[in-house]
């Protein structure tokens, strides 16, 4: 990873790869040490052939960005809608000298392609793990959008598939590829913050009520049953198909999974990737937009207990005065009190404020005096670069699925604790099951209770 040119003020420098950085700071994780030996490395100049599965907004952005690289070609597209396939093919061709990707509607046919190295999975969340597992089984590497799993069981099975089939699986949590975040981790490891016993994660965003309304007709030739995939059967509704799926548990973990996972994963990185919590407690629900059609909470407060440390998450979907960190090319810090997507670390010596997606960080002593700081930029290009380099080197990527299974677990466990009526749930990281009082209803939410032809099997 290249060092930033001039964005560092005081104290810290970044100029090493992630692997050298981890070795130098003693922060190497079990995941990075235990990544299985896989196929022989490829030449750095080789062209990587990618397919996009899911030609929506985020998928098209990713594919276009990858296609801008000289060592990448988008060779295939897969989507259930003909109109999306046609539009994506035209757009991506403009980024790769007019080369038009092949257009397919069935992922099984796509994964049989021999002229394909890896896939981008950018479908709705409920298909992330099943498609990624299928790709691993077909011998393809995977870049999967966050969250990589709809539930704990599917996340564990994807990790199992990646190991079994010796595949690179990079999750789209870009913050692990940002130099300023690695510099923050180095600052923490140096001891300047002191002992950290409290971390606060925020995802306090604006939003509005959600109404399904009347459904528009189902598009001609559209396979609704396949779109539902592993989710329970229900009638077609255009409101669910067109982004409304974010609001329903069958397809999503709500905004905690859709957006809050970025801050949660970054906090895990900064805290040394502490793994699974000892317990979780939560409260919340649909408190502000009462009576609308959404199932997922608009308000959540979650508390995780780790050895010697408490981590809290606060999430809302209504305060318009809170602002996300936007992608910008400037050295400017957010106004921290109104930053919707910040993390606060409370050390015994100093406090740190850090923002995702290029927000930068500042460390404070008494009286609000800044002791160290670093600006940042959105790390999307670096994260994509890391994935391509990992395909060629066969080294674990920055957001390897093993690390992300643990951090994404906080999303799943936090949502479960919000949904069940119990004050505190103990969790066993070895069995990945809740234990003790209240565990029965909670354990039922660790995996889907319905089964169909698209369900994830333990035999991956």
Foldseek 3Di string as FASTA:
>chain_A
DDWDDPFWDPDFTDGDDPVVLCVVLVLDDPCQVPQDDDDAFFDPQAAAEEEEEALDDVSLVLLLLQLLDPRYDDAEYEALDPVSLVVSQVVSCVNNVNDGHHYYHDVVVVLQDPNHAAYEYDAFQQCLLLSLLVNLVSNHAYEYEFPSHLFLVSLVLSVVSCRVSVHAYFYPLLQLLWRLLSRLLSVVSVCQLAAFAEKEWFQEAAADFDALPAADDDDPSGDVCVSLFFFDDDDDGVSCVVPVVLQESSGHLHCCGVPVLSLLLSVCVSVSNQFAFQKKAKAFFCPPNPPHDGGHTQWMWMWTHHVSHIYIYTHHHRDNQADEDDADDDFDADPQVRHRGWMWTRHPAWIKIQHAQFRWMFIAGPPRDTPTIGTTGGRVSSQSVQSSSCSRNVRHGSRTSVSSSRSVNCSNNRSLNHPFPDGMWGADSVVRATDDPPRPSSRCSNADPDDDPNGDDSPD
